[in-house]
Protein backbone atom coordinates (compact mmCIF):
# COMPACT_ATOMS: atom_id res chain seq x y z
CA UNK A 1 -33.39 65.97 125.96
CA UNK A 2 -30.81 67.92 127.99
CA UNK A 3 -28.14 67.37 125.42
CA UNK A 4 -30.51 68.63 122.60
CA UNK A 5 -31.34 71.68 124.72
CA UNK A 6 -27.56 72.53 125.09
CA UNK A 7 -27.21 72.19 121.32
CA UNK A 8 -30.16 74.52 120.74
CA UNK A 9 -28.57 77.03 123.12
CA UNK A 10 -25.39 76.90 121.25
CA UNK A 11 -26.96 77.34 117.78
CA UNK A 12 -29.36 80.14 118.89
CA UNK A 13 -26.70 82.32 120.53
CA UNK A 14 -24.33 81.68 117.48
CA UNK A 15 -27.09 82.66 114.99
CA UNK A 16 -28.18 85.62 117.17
CA UNK A 17 -24.52 87.00 117.27
CA UNK A 18 -24.19 86.69 113.43
CA UNK A 19 -27.55 88.43 112.89
CA UNK A 20 -26.93 91.34 115.33
CA UNK A 21 -23.30 92.10 114.49
CA UNK A 22 -22.92 91.01 110.86
CA UNK A 23 -26.12 90.78 108.97
CA UNK A 24 -28.07 93.53 110.72
CA UNK A 25 -25.02 95.95 110.21
CA UNK A 26 -24.09 95.06 106.65
CA UNK A 27 -27.34 93.50 105.21
CA UNK A 28 -25.20 90.35 104.26
CA UNK A 29 -23.24 87.72 106.17
CA UNK A 30 -19.78 88.32 105.12
CA UNK A 31 -17.63 88.82 108.20
CA UNK A 32 -15.67 85.69 109.07
CA UNK A 33 -14.46 87.15 112.37
CA UNK A 34 -17.91 87.86 113.47
CA UNK A 35 -18.92 84.36 112.47
CA UNK A 36 -16.17 82.68 114.30
CA UNK A 37 -16.69 84.78 117.49
CA UNK A 38 -20.49 84.14 117.49
CA UNK A 39 -19.69 80.37 117.35
CA UNK A 40 -17.29 80.66 120.14
CA UNK A 41 -19.79 82.66 122.31
CA UNK A 42 -22.47 80.19 121.57
CA UNK A 43 -20.18 77.34 122.70
CA UNK A 44 -19.21 79.27 125.85
CA UNK A 45 -22.98 79.87 126.61
CA UNK A 46 -23.77 76.19 126.23
CA UNK A 47 -20.82 75.22 128.48
CA UNK A 48 -21.93 77.78 131.02
CA UNK A 49 -25.53 76.34 131.13
CA UNK A 50 -24.16 72.77 131.36
CA UNK A 51 -21.87 73.43 134.35
CA UNK A 52 -24.41 75.60 136.00
CA UNK A 53 -26.75 72.75 135.68
CA UNK A 54 -24.38 70.43 137.25
CA UNK A 55 -23.68 72.76 140.20
CA UNK A 56 -27.03 73.97 140.89
CA UNK A 57 -28.62 70.63 141.05
CA UNK A 58 -25.74 69.24 143.05
CA UNK A 59 -26.41 71.61 146.01
CA UNK A 60 -30.31 71.49 145.51
CA UNK A 61 -30.71 67.80 145.06
CA UNK A 62 -27.59 65.67 145.14
CA UNK A 63 -26.51 66.85 148.53
CA UNK A 64 -30.07 66.65 150.01
CA UNK A 65 -31.71 63.62 148.73
CA UNK A 66 -30.91 59.96 149.69
CA UNK A 67 -28.67 57.83 147.46
CA UNK A 68 -31.59 55.92 145.83
CA UNK A 69 -33.60 59.06 145.06
CA UNK A 70 -35.31 58.71 141.66
CA UNK A 71 -35.04 62.48 141.02
CA UNK A 72 -31.25 62.57 141.83
CA UNK A 73 -30.56 59.63 139.39
CA UNK A 74 -32.74 61.12 136.76
CA UNK A 75 -30.78 64.30 136.78
CA UNK A 76 -27.53 62.50 136.82
CA UNK A 77 -28.58 60.51 133.81
CA UNK A 78 -29.34 63.65 131.94
CA UNK A 79 -25.93 64.93 132.63
CA UNK A 80 -24.52 61.59 131.27
CA UNK A 81 -26.43 62.05 127.90
CA UNK A 82 -24.19 64.92 127.05
CA UNK A 83 -20.93 63.18 126.29
CA UNK A 84 -22.79 60.52 124.48
CA UNK A 85 -24.70 62.86 122.30
CA UNK A 86 -21.75 65.08 121.40
CA UNK A 87 -19.52 62.14 120.58
CA UNK A 88 -22.22 60.61 118.52
CA UNK A 89 -22.24 57.22 120.35
CA UNK A 90 -25.16 55.16 119.41
CA UNK A 91 -26.06 52.26 121.73
CA UNK A 92 -28.26 49.34 120.88
CA UNK A 93 -29.60 47.22 123.95
CA UNK A 94 -30.29 43.55 123.78
CA UNK A 95 -32.16 41.77 126.60
CA UNK A 96 -33.30 44.83 128.48
CA UNK A 97 -36.33 42.71 129.69
CA UNK A 98 -33.89 40.62 131.67
CA UNK A 99 -33.30 43.43 134.19
CA UNK A 100 -35.03 42.64 137.56
CA UNK A 101 -37.88 45.06 138.53
CA UNK A 102 -36.38 45.41 141.92
CA UNK A 103 -33.23 47.75 141.55
CA UNK A 104 -31.38 46.04 144.41
CA UNK A 105 -28.99 43.79 142.41
CA UNK A 106 -25.40 43.79 141.08
CA UNK A 107 -24.13 44.09 137.52
CA UNK A 108 -20.93 42.57 136.42
CA UNK A 109 -19.70 43.86 133.04
CA UNK A 110 -16.54 44.06 130.95
CA UNK A 111 -14.73 47.42 131.13
CA UNK A 112 -13.88 48.97 127.61
CA UNK A 113 -13.54 52.70 128.35
CA UNK A 114 -14.58 55.76 130.61
CA UNK A 115 -17.62 55.91 128.37
CA UNK A 116 -19.03 52.72 129.78
CA UNK A 117 -20.42 54.58 132.77
CA UNK A 118 -22.57 57.20 130.75
CA UNK A 119 -23.71 54.35 128.51
CA UNK A 120 -24.95 52.29 131.47
CA UNK A 121 -26.50 55.35 133.22
CA UNK A 122 -28.28 56.31 130.15
CA UNK A 123 -29.60 52.96 128.94
CA UNK A 124 -30.49 51.63 132.38
CA UNK A 125 -32.69 54.58 133.01
CA UNK A 126 -35.14 53.00 135.30
CA UNK A 127 -32.64 51.84 137.83
CA UNK A 128 -30.55 53.93 140.31
CA UNK A 129 -27.17 52.89 138.97
CA UNK A 130 -23.98 53.34 140.89
CA UNK A 131 -20.44 52.06 140.44
CA UNK A 132 -17.49 50.60 142.26
CA UNK A 133 -14.98 53.26 141.05
CA UNK A 134 -11.39 54.10 141.20
CA UNK A 135 -10.19 57.16 143.26
CA UNK A 136 -9.39 59.23 140.20
CA UNK A 137 -13.00 59.38 139.22
CA UNK A 138 -13.67 61.76 142.22
CA UNK A 139 -11.36 64.13 140.45
CA UNK A 140 -13.37 64.52 137.25
CA UNK A 141 -14.21 68.18 136.86
CA UNK A 142 -17.66 69.10 138.26
CA UNK A 143 -18.96 65.60 137.85
CA UNK A 144 -16.65 63.70 140.28
CA UNK A 145 -18.35 65.00 143.44
CA UNK A 146 -21.73 63.68 142.41
CA UNK A 147 -20.60 60.11 142.45
CA UNK A 148 -20.58 59.37 146.13
CA UNK A 149 -23.98 61.13 146.41
CA UNK A 150 -25.33 58.58 143.92
CA UNK A 151 -24.11 55.74 145.83
CA UNK A 152 -20.76 55.08 144.00
CA UNK A 153 -18.08 53.62 146.13
CA UNK A 154 -14.33 54.34 145.72
CA UNK A 155 -11.88 51.46 146.02
CA UNK A 156 -8.09 51.63 146.74
CA UNK A 157 -6.73 48.39 145.47
CA UNK A 158 -3.41 49.20 146.78
CA UNK A 159 -4.73 49.16 150.41
CA UNK A 160 -6.29 45.76 151.27
CA UNK A 161 -8.08 47.09 154.46
CA UNK A 162 -9.67 50.02 152.66
CA UNK A 163 -10.56 47.72 149.80
CA UNK A 164 -12.41 45.40 152.18
CA UNK A 165 -14.25 48.49 153.56
CA UNK A 166 -15.30 49.59 150.12
CA UNK A 167 -16.76 46.07 149.24
CA UNK A 168 -18.75 46.22 152.53
CA UNK A 169 -20.24 49.58 151.44
CA UNK A 170 -21.19 48.28 147.90
CA UNK A 171 -22.92 45.34 149.64
CA UNK A 172 -24.88 47.64 151.88
CA UNK A 173 -25.84 49.85 148.86
CA UNK A 174 -27.25 46.69 147.09
CA UNK A 175 -29.20 45.91 150.16
CA UNK A 176 -30.60 49.41 150.33
CA UNK A 177 -31.97 49.17 146.77
CA UNK A 178 -29.26 50.48 144.52
CA UNK A 179 -28.12 48.74 141.34
CA UNK A 180 -24.26 48.46 141.85
CA UNK A 181 -22.04 48.13 138.81
CA UNK A 182 -18.85 46.11 139.31
CA UNK A 183 -16.08 45.95 136.76
CA UNK A 184 -14.44 42.69 137.65
CA UNK A 185 -11.40 43.30 135.52
CA UNK A 186 -10.65 46.34 137.77
CA UNK A 187 -9.25 48.30 134.81
CA UNK A 188 -10.14 48.97 131.25
CA UNK A 189 -9.17 46.56 128.55
CA UNK A 190 -6.94 47.94 125.78
CA UNK A 191 -7.81 45.40 123.19
CA UNK A 192 -11.49 45.38 121.82
CA UNK A 193 -13.20 42.02 122.27
CA UNK A 194 -10.69 40.88 124.91
CA UNK A 195 -10.91 40.93 128.67
CA UNK A 196 -8.37 41.24 131.42
CA UNK A 197 -8.18 38.78 134.37
CA UNK A 198 -11.05 39.08 136.83
CA UNK A 199 -10.44 40.13 140.43
CA UNK A 200 -11.73 37.43 142.65
CA UNK A 201 -12.42 39.78 145.47
CA UNK A 202 -14.99 41.81 143.35
CA UNK A 203 -17.30 38.70 143.52
CA UNK A 204 -17.79 39.13 147.32
CA UNK A 205 -20.35 41.84 146.37
CA UNK A 206 -22.59 39.29 144.78
CA UNK A 207 -22.05 36.59 147.35
CA UNK A 208 -22.35 38.71 150.49
CA UNK A 209 -25.25 40.94 149.22
CA UNK A 210 -27.43 37.83 148.61
CA UNK A 211 -29.08 39.54 145.44
CA UNK A 212 -29.42 38.51 141.97
CA UNK A 213 -26.39 39.02 139.68
CA UNK A 214 -26.73 40.40 136.19
CA UNK A 215 -24.06 39.83 133.67
CA UNK A 216 -23.71 42.43 130.86
CA UNK A 217 -21.49 42.54 127.85
CA UNK A 218 -20.37 45.65 126.14
CA UNK A 219 -19.62 44.75 122.47
CA UNK A 220 -17.85 46.97 120.15
CA UNK A 221 -16.98 46.46 116.40
CA UNK A 222 -13.32 45.71 115.59
CA UNK A 223 -13.00 49.15 113.72
CA UNK A 224 -14.57 51.07 116.76
CA UNK A 225 -11.36 53.13 117.37
CA UNK A 226 -10.89 53.86 113.79
CA UNK A 227 -14.38 55.53 113.38
CA UNK A 228 -13.89 59.30 113.80
CA UNK A 229 -16.29 61.94 114.71
CA UNK A 230 -18.77 62.96 113.29
CA UNK A 231 -19.52 59.51 112.07
CA UNK A 232 -21.47 57.45 114.70
CA UNK A 233 -19.70 55.03 116.99
CA UNK A 234 -21.87 52.02 117.61
CA UNK A 235 -21.95 49.96 120.80
CA UNK A 236 -24.14 47.01 121.61
CA UNK A 237 -25.12 46.37 125.23
CA UNK A 238 -26.13 42.66 125.79
CA UNK A 239 -27.97 42.22 129.05
CA UNK A 240 -27.97 38.49 129.97
CA UNK A 241 -30.46 36.66 132.11
CA UNK A 242 -29.96 37.32 135.84
CA UNK A 243 -28.49 34.70 138.01
CA UNK A 244 -30.52 34.21 141.18
CA UNK A 245 -28.69 34.17 144.47
CA UNK A 246 -29.79 30.61 145.08
CA UNK A 247 -27.88 29.47 142.08
CA UNK A 248 -24.49 30.69 143.19
CA UNK A 249 -24.71 30.86 147.02
CA UNK A 250 -22.52 27.84 147.43
CA UNK A 251 -20.00 28.89 144.95
CA UNK A 252 -16.57 30.19 145.74
CA UNK A 253 -15.42 33.54 144.40
CA UNK A 254 -13.23 31.71 141.79
CA UNK A 255 -16.18 29.46 140.71
CA UNK A 256 -18.47 32.45 140.29
CA UNK A 257 -15.69 34.38 138.47
CA UNK A 258 -15.44 31.54 135.91
CA UNK A 259 -19.13 31.33 135.39
CA UNK A 260 -19.86 34.93 134.92
CA UNK A 261 -16.65 35.31 132.69
CA UNK A 262 -18.13 32.68 130.37
CA UNK A 263 -21.42 34.49 130.12
CA UNK A 264 -19.88 37.88 129.46
CA UNK A 265 -17.42 36.37 126.83
CA UNK A 266 -20.07 34.68 124.71
CA UNK A 267 -21.10 37.74 122.66
CA UNK A 268 -17.49 38.88 122.28
CA UNK A 269 -16.58 35.56 120.74
CA UNK A 270 -19.42 35.96 118.17
CA UNK A 271 -18.67 39.48 117.24
């Protein structure tokens, strides 16, 4: 809805500019400069509303409410619909009924691009979703500062001590009722349908939090990168059945990594 509102603002301001400074003056629409300027002003107005929304609700809601606040996560999810809407990414979800009702669980998912985050936040709209993220996410303009307030945890893989501290924070967040998303590859895969090696340390989150683990697969068609805007880019989100803690409590991180990898890989092998 928020993305549609932004589009309406853009179109309304653009049309109003053309009407006031071209049609109303000359009785016809015939001035290319006015048309271009009106579109630019409409886009500027849309961006102003977008970033104002982010800033205002950051100070009114994000900074003041607890990490698992439903209102805070609802607002964040509205923000995340914007890049999906304007890049025309269409997401099909299979197996949404597999998600536990209690939001305190971990998700392990293959990592395909930076758009994985808005896709998950948008489609898992009933869960307070947060991420184990890299430091550079904090530097994303206007949006980065939201991430710690939502429960996202930054990990420095080059510093083992800080990395261990980050894993402990993620475990605490799961126990406090957040749905924590872990990308076990640690970085994005450059080849569609292929996954990088899993980081064994990432599975300490599932083992130590003693909560269900939900494997999810992001499936993209082979021609995904060739599809150019405005044609829709299509993604399928396959949510697998949760693995109860009792089923993997005796596993090592390596055994659990192998088990989860096989589940996540299955839809990729079929695509």
